[in-house]
Amino acid sequence: MKKNIAFLALCIALISSLSYGQDSQKNTYSDNSTESFNLPPGAVFNPKTYIEIDYREQLQFSKYDQSVDKNYLQEFSDTEIVNMKENYPNDYKYYSNALKYFNSLPVKVKKTFTVDELWYIYKFDQRLKKTLQTIN
């Protein structure tokens, strides 16, 4: 009986550690470089559908013709945001942090990139994401 309980406890511990390891890897991706992606909670990276876009050139040759006023959470209604805050705290934290990041960007950056481009950078280009905050 004691062997069965010990075996059962070992199985539970193994399954728990495997599922925890999988959960922590769902929203990041690394291709053995120093960069990782910053995907929303629960998102799974699919390398087959990923298309790398380099927006660094756009920053150098921009005409600065984008509006500064942007709705970065345009995909969510006010009701969905309240629901997310109440029922999905990890998702709410991710999108709140993204909103803080976007609002902290310099005017030049906001005039250079569209909402979709900034979301791409936020999720997939961590080096450029850091660089954008330092632009004058």
Protein backbone atom coordinates (compact mmCIF):
# COMPACT_ATOMS: atom_id res chain seq x y z
CA MET A 1 0.00 0.00 0.00
CA LYS A 2 2.83 2.41 0.91
CA LYS A 3 4.53 1.63 -2.43
CA ASN A 4 1.32 2.46 -4.31
CA ILE A 5 0.96 5.79 -2.49
CA ALA A 6 4.63 6.64 -3.10
CA PHE A 7 4.30 5.72 -6.77
CA LEU A 8 1.10 7.78 -7.08
CA ALA A 9 2.78 10.79 -5.41
CA LEU A 10 5.76 10.45 -7.77
CA CYS A 11 3.44 10.36 -10.80
CA ILE A 12 1.54 13.44 -9.62
CA ALA A 13 4.78 15.34 -9.02
CA LEU A 14 6.10 14.36 -12.46
CA ILE A 15 2.88 15.36 -14.24
CA SER A 16 2.73 18.65 -12.33
CA SER A 17 6.30 19.54 -13.22
CA LEU A 18 5.76 18.65 -16.88
CA SER A 19 2.61 20.74 -17.17
CA TYR A 20 4.24 23.66 -15.35
CA GLY A 21 7.19 23.56 -17.73
CA GLN A 22 4.88 23.61 -20.72
CA ASP A 23 2.84 26.53 -19.42
CA SER A 24 5.89 28.68 -18.84
CA GLN A 25 7.01 28.20 -22.43
CA LYS A 26 3.74 29.04 -24.19
CA ASN A 27 4.21 32.77 -24.46
CA THR A 28 7.92 32.90 -25.20
CA TYR A 29 10.02 31.58 -28.02
CA SER A 30 13.75 31.46 -28.39
CA ASP A 31 15.75 30.26 -31.36
CA ASN A 32 18.96 29.88 -29.33
CA SER A 33 19.58 33.61 -29.58
CA THR A 34 19.38 36.09 -26.74
CA GLU A 35 15.93 37.24 -27.87
CA SER A 36 12.60 35.82 -26.94
CA PHE A 37 9.11 36.71 -28.04
CA ASN A 38 6.59 38.40 -25.79
CA LEU A 39 3.33 36.71 -26.70
CA PRO A 40 0.04 37.09 -24.81
CA PRO A 41 -0.77 34.49 -22.13
CA GLY A 42 -1.94 31.24 -23.66
CA ALA A 43 -0.57 32.06 -27.11
CA VAL A 44 1.52 29.36 -28.72
CA PHE A 45 4.28 30.29 -31.16
CA ASN A 46 3.96 28.61 -34.57
CA PRO A 47 7.25 28.91 -36.49
CA LYS A 48 5.57 27.72 -39.71
CA THR A 49 3.31 30.78 -39.88
CA TYR A 50 5.76 33.32 -38.44
CA ILE A 51 7.07 35.95 -40.87
CA GLU A 52 9.93 38.06 -39.60
CA ILE A 53 9.57 41.76 -40.38
CA ASP A 54 12.37 44.25 -39.77
CA TYR A 55 10.94 47.68 -38.94
CA ARG A 56 14.33 49.28 -38.19
CA GLU A 57 14.58 50.77 -41.68
CA GLN A 58 11.12 52.29 -41.43
CA LEU A 59 12.28 54.22 -38.39
CA GLN A 60 15.21 55.70 -40.32
CA PHE A 61 13.25 56.72 -43.43
CA SER A 62 9.91 57.60 -41.93
CA LYS A 63 7.75 60.52 -43.07
CA TYR A 64 6.12 60.69 -39.60
CA ASP A 65 2.61 60.77 -41.04
CA GLN A 66 0.79 58.50 -38.59
CA SER A 67 -1.63 59.88 -36.02
CA VAL A 68 -0.30 60.13 -32.49
CA ASP A 69 -3.70 59.24 -31.03
CA LYS A 70 -4.06 55.49 -31.35
CA ASN A 71 -6.35 52.88 -29.84
CA TYR A 72 -3.89 50.10 -28.99
CA LEU A 73 -6.64 47.91 -27.55
CA GLN A 74 -8.98 48.33 -30.50
CA GLU A 75 -9.67 44.61 -30.68
CA PHE A 76 -11.36 44.72 -27.27
CA SER A 77 -14.62 46.42 -26.30
CA ASP A 78 -14.90 48.15 -22.91
CA THR A 79 -17.00 45.22 -21.69
CA GLU A 80 -14.35 42.72 -22.79
CA ILE A 81 -11.66 44.66 -20.96
CA VAL A 82 -13.71 44.70 -17.74
CA ASN A 83 -14.38 40.96 -18.16
CA MET A 84 -10.67 40.35 -18.72
CA LYS A 85 -9.77 42.32 -15.59
CA GLU A 86 -12.23 40.36 -13.48
CA ASN A 87 -11.76 36.87 -14.93
CA TYR A 88 -8.37 36.72 -16.69
CA PRO A 89 -5.85 38.62 -14.56
CA ASN A 90 -2.80 37.38 -16.48
CA ASP A 91 -4.25 38.55 -19.78
CA TYR A 92 -5.26 41.86 -18.25
CA LYS A 93 -1.76 42.37 -16.85
CA TYR A 94 -0.19 41.60 -20.26
CA TYR A 95 -2.42 44.09 -22.11
CA SER A 96 -2.09 46.70 -19.35
CA ASN A 97 1.69 46.48 -19.55
CA ALA A 98 1.52 46.75 -23.33
CA LEU A 99 -0.68 49.84 -23.06
CA LYS A 100 1.75 51.45 -20.60
CA TYR A 101 4.60 50.69 -23.00
CA PHE A 102 2.78 52.17 -26.01
CA ASN A 103 1.77 55.29 -24.09
CA SER A 104 5.37 55.82 -22.96
CA LEU A 105 6.72 55.85 -26.52
CA PRO A 106 8.04 59.13 -27.94
CA VAL A 107 5.84 61.09 -30.35
CA LYS A 108 8.28 60.37 -33.22
CA VAL A 109 7.74 56.63 -32.75
CA LYS A 110 3.95 56.98 -32.54
CA LYS A 111 3.98 59.03 -35.76
CA THR A 112 6.17 56.45 -37.50
CA PHE A 113 4.34 53.19 -36.82
CA THR A 114 0.76 51.96 -37.08
CA VAL A 115 -0.96 50.16 -34.21
CA ASP A 116 -0.40 46.79 -35.92
CA GLU A 117 3.28 47.52 -36.47
CA LEU A 118 3.76 48.51 -32.85
CA TRP A 119 2.01 45.34 -31.69
CA TYR A 120 4.29 43.27 -33.93
CA ILE A 121 7.34 44.97 -32.41
CA TYR A 122 5.97 44.50 -28.88
CA LYS A 123 5.43 40.79 -29.44
CA PHE A 124 8.25 39.76 -31.77
CA ASP A 125 11.14 42.26 -31.82
CA GLN A 126 12.40 42.75 -28.29
CA ARG A 127 15.55 44.61 -29.33
CA LEU A 128 13.62 47.20 -31.34
CA LYS A 129 11.03 47.40 -28.58
CA LYS A 130 13.74 48.57 -26.17
CA THR A 131 15.29 50.89 -28.75
CA LEU A 132 12.00 52.68 -29.45
CA GLN A 133 11.80 53.90 -25.87
CA THR A 134 15.12 55.71 -26.16
CA ILE A 135 14.43 57.64 -29.37
CA ASN A 136 14.22 61.42 -29.14
